[in-house]
Amino acid sequence: MLSPHEFATLMLVKDATPQSDFDPQDLLALADREFITIGAPPQTCLQPRLTERGHALLARLGSALS
């Protein structure tokens, strides 16, 4: 189960810019559960991206809140 902070991070990753600053622990937890992938660009920042599983979870959350 994801913590509230990890859920919030997942929602923020969806609209993240390369300069977004995330807690590495939250990113690793989401990556371990295959909700995101973490690509390391040539710069020093990480670039998290939602996986299909991450998009599906956010879609289910969105429909549950509607």
N, C-alpha and C. Protein backbone atom coordinates (compact mmCIF):
# COMPACT_ATOMS: atom_id res chain seq x y z
N MET A 1 0.85 -1.17 0.00
CA MET A 1 0.00 0.00 0.00
C MET A 1 0.90 1.24 0.00
N LEU A 2 0.46 2.25 -0.73
CA LEU A 2 1.21 3.49 -0.80
C LEU A 2 0.84 4.42 0.35
N SER A 3 1.81 5.17 0.81
CA SER A 3 1.54 6.18 1.83
C SER A 3 0.87 7.37 1.16
N PRO A 4 0.23 8.23 1.95
CA PRO A 4 -0.37 9.44 1.36
C PRO A 4 0.67 10.29 0.62
N HIS A 5 1.88 10.33 1.16
CA HIS A 5 2.93 11.13 0.52
C HIS A 5 3.32 10.52 -0.82
N GLU A 6 3.37 9.18 -0.90
CA GLU A 6 3.68 8.52 -2.17
C GLU A 6 2.58 8.73 -3.18
N PHE A 7 1.30 8.71 -2.76
CA PHE A 7 0.20 9.02 -3.66
C PHE A 7 0.35 10.44 -4.21
N ALA A 8 0.66 11.36 -3.33
CA ALA A 8 0.83 12.75 -3.76
C ALA A 8 1.98 12.87 -4.76
N THR A 9 3.07 12.18 -4.50
CA THR A 9 4.21 12.20 -5.42
C THR A 9 3.81 11.61 -6.77
N LEU A 10 3.06 10.53 -6.77
CA LEU A 10 2.59 9.92 -8.01
C LEU A 10 1.77 10.93 -8.84
N MET A 11 0.90 11.65 -8.17
CA MET A 11 0.10 12.66 -8.88
C MET A 11 0.97 13.78 -9.42
N LEU A 12 1.99 14.17 -8.68
CA LEU A 12 2.88 15.24 -9.13
C LEU A 12 3.78 14.79 -10.28
N VAL A 13 4.18 13.53 -10.28
CA VAL A 13 5.04 13.02 -11.36
C VAL A 13 4.34 13.15 -12.70
N LYS A 14 3.03 12.99 -12.70
CA LYS A 14 2.27 13.07 -13.96
C LYS A 14 2.55 14.38 -14.69
N ASP A 15 2.65 15.46 -13.99
CA ASP A 15 2.85 16.78 -14.60
C ASP A 15 4.23 17.34 -14.31
N ALA A 16 5.17 16.50 -13.97
CA ALA A 16 6.50 16.96 -13.56
C ALA A 16 7.30 17.53 -14.73
N THR A 17 8.13 18.47 -14.39
CA THR A 17 9.11 19.00 -15.33
C THR A 17 10.46 18.40 -14.95
N PRO A 18 11.43 18.44 -15.85
CA PRO A 18 12.75 17.90 -15.49
C PRO A 18 13.36 18.56 -14.26
N GLN A 19 12.95 19.77 -13.93
CA GLN A 19 13.50 20.46 -12.77
C GLN A 19 12.73 20.16 -11.48
N SER A 20 11.69 19.34 -11.55
CA SER A 20 10.90 19.03 -10.35
C SER A 20 11.79 18.35 -9.31
N ASP A 21 11.51 18.67 -8.05
CA ASP A 21 12.31 18.14 -6.95
C ASP A 21 11.45 17.17 -6.14
N PHE A 22 11.82 15.89 -6.17
CA PHE A 22 11.08 14.86 -5.45
C PHE A 22 11.97 14.20 -4.42
N ASP A 23 11.35 13.67 -3.39
CA ASP A 23 12.06 12.89 -2.39
C ASP A 23 12.49 11.57 -3.05
N PRO A 24 13.78 11.28 -3.09
CA PRO A 24 14.25 10.05 -3.73
C PRO A 24 13.63 8.79 -3.14
N GLN A 25 13.34 8.79 -1.83
CA GLN A 25 12.71 7.62 -1.19
C GLN A 25 11.33 7.35 -1.77
N ASP A 26 10.55 8.42 -2.01
CA ASP A 26 9.22 8.26 -2.60
C ASP A 26 9.33 7.74 -4.02
N LEU A 27 10.29 8.27 -4.78
CA LEU A 27 10.47 7.81 -6.16
C LEU A 27 10.86 6.34 -6.19
N LEU A 28 11.75 5.93 -5.31
CA LEU A 28 12.16 4.52 -5.27
C LEU A 28 11.00 3.60 -4.89
N ALA A 29 10.17 4.04 -3.95
CA ALA A 29 9.01 3.24 -3.54
C ALA A 29 8.05 3.08 -4.70
N LEU A 30 7.82 4.15 -5.45
CA LEU A 30 6.92 4.08 -6.61
C LEU A 30 7.52 3.24 -7.73
N ALA A 31 8.82 3.35 -7.93
CA ALA A 31 9.49 2.55 -8.96
C ALA A 31 9.48 1.06 -8.58
N ASP A 32 9.67 0.76 -7.30
CA ASP A 32 9.64 -0.64 -6.84
C ASP A 32 8.28 -1.27 -7.11
N ARG A 33 7.23 -0.48 -7.03
CA ARG A 33 5.87 -0.98 -7.26
C ARG A 33 5.45 -0.83 -8.72
N GLU A 34 6.38 -0.39 -9.56
CA GLU A 34 6.20 -0.25 -11.01
C GLU A 34 5.12 0.76 -11.39
N PHE A 35 4.96 1.82 -10.57
CA PHE A 35 4.07 2.91 -10.91
C PHE A 35 4.79 3.98 -11.72
N ILE A 36 6.11 4.03 -11.61
CA ILE A 36 6.92 4.98 -12.38
C ILE A 36 8.20 4.28 -12.84
N THR A 37 8.83 4.91 -13.82
CA THR A 37 10.20 4.55 -14.18
C THR A 37 11.04 5.78 -13.91
N ILE A 38 12.29 5.57 -13.65
CA ILE A 38 13.18 6.70 -13.37
C ILE A 38 14.30 6.66 -14.40
N GLY A 39 14.30 7.66 -15.28
CA GLY A 39 15.36 7.76 -16.26
C GLY A 39 16.37 8.79 -15.79
N ALA A 40 17.61 8.47 -15.94
CA ALA A 40 18.67 9.40 -15.54
C ALA A 40 19.19 10.11 -16.79
N PRO A 41 18.79 11.35 -17.00
CA PRO A 41 19.30 12.10 -18.14
C PRO A 41 20.76 12.48 -17.91
N PRO A 42 21.41 13.04 -18.90
CA PRO A 42 22.80 13.46 -18.72
C PRO A 42 22.99 14.48 -17.59
N GLN A 43 21.91 15.23 -17.28
CA GLN A 43 22.01 16.20 -16.18
C GLN A 43 22.02 15.45 -14.84
N THR A 44 22.08 16.19 -13.78
CA THR A 44 22.15 15.59 -12.45
C THR A 44 20.79 15.28 -11.85
N CYS A 45 19.69 15.70 -12.48
CA CYS A 45 18.37 15.45 -11.91
C CYS A 45 17.78 14.17 -12.49
N LEU A 46 16.90 13.55 -11.73
CA LEU A 46 16.20 12.35 -12.19
C LEU A 46 14.95 12.75 -12.94
N GLN A 47 14.55 11.95 -13.92
CA GLN A 47 13.33 12.23 -14.66
C GLN A 47 12.35 11.08 -14.48
N PRO A 48 11.47 11.15 -13.47
CA PRO A 48 10.48 10.08 -13.29
C PRO A 48 9.36 10.20 -14.32
N ARG A 49 8.86 9.06 -14.76
CA ARG A 49 7.73 9.01 -15.70
C ARG A 49 6.76 7.93 -15.24
N LEU A 50 5.46 8.21 -15.42
CA LEU A 50 4.45 7.23 -15.06
C LEU A 50 4.52 6.04 -16.01
N THR A 51 4.28 4.86 -15.46
CA THR A 51 4.12 3.66 -16.28
C THR A 51 2.63 3.51 -16.59
N GLU A 52 2.29 2.50 -17.38
CA GLU A 52 0.87 2.22 -17.64
C GLU A 52 0.15 1.93 -16.34
N ARG A 53 0.83 1.23 -15.45
CA ARG A 53 0.23 0.91 -14.14
C ARG A 53 -0.03 2.18 -13.33
N GLY A 54 0.90 3.13 -13.38
CA GLY A 54 0.72 4.40 -12.68
C GLY A 54 -0.44 5.20 -13.25
N HIS A 55 -0.54 5.25 -14.59
CA HIS A 55 -1.66 5.94 -15.23
C HIS A 55 -2.98 5.28 -14.84
N ALA A 56 -3.01 3.95 -14.82
CA ALA A 56 -4.24 3.23 -14.47
C ALA A 56 -4.67 3.53 -13.03
N LEU A 57 -3.70 3.57 -12.12
CA LEU A 57 -4.03 3.87 -10.72
C LEU A 57 -4.61 5.27 -10.59
N LEU A 58 -3.99 6.24 -11.24
CA LEU A 58 -4.50 7.61 -11.17
C LEU A 58 -5.89 7.71 -11.81
N ALA A 59 -6.12 6.97 -12.88
CA ALA A 59 -7.44 6.99 -13.51
C ALA A 59 -8.50 6.41 -12.57
N ARG A 60 -8.14 5.31 -11.88
CA ARG A 60 -9.10 4.74 -10.91
C ARG A 60 -9.36 5.69 -9.76
N LEU A 61 -8.32 6.35 -9.29
CA LEU A 61 -8.51 7.33 -8.21
C LEU A 61 -9.39 8.48 -8.66
N GLY A 62 -9.16 8.95 -9.88
CA GLY A 62 -9.96 10.05 -10.41
C GLY A 62 -11.43 9.69 -10.53
N SER A 63 -11.72 8.48 -10.99
CA SER A 63 -13.12 8.08 -11.14
C SER A 63 -13.75 7.83 -9.78
N ALA A 64 -12.97 7.42 -8.80
CA ALA A 64 -13.50 7.20 -7.46
C ALA A 64 -13.83 8.53 -6.77
N LEU A 65 -13.12 9.56 -7.12
CA LEU A 65 -13.34 10.88 -6.51
C LEU A 65 -14.44 11.66 -7.20
N SER A 66 -14.83 11.24 -8.39
CA SER A 66 -15.87 11.96 -9.15
C SER A 66 -17.24 11.64 -8.65
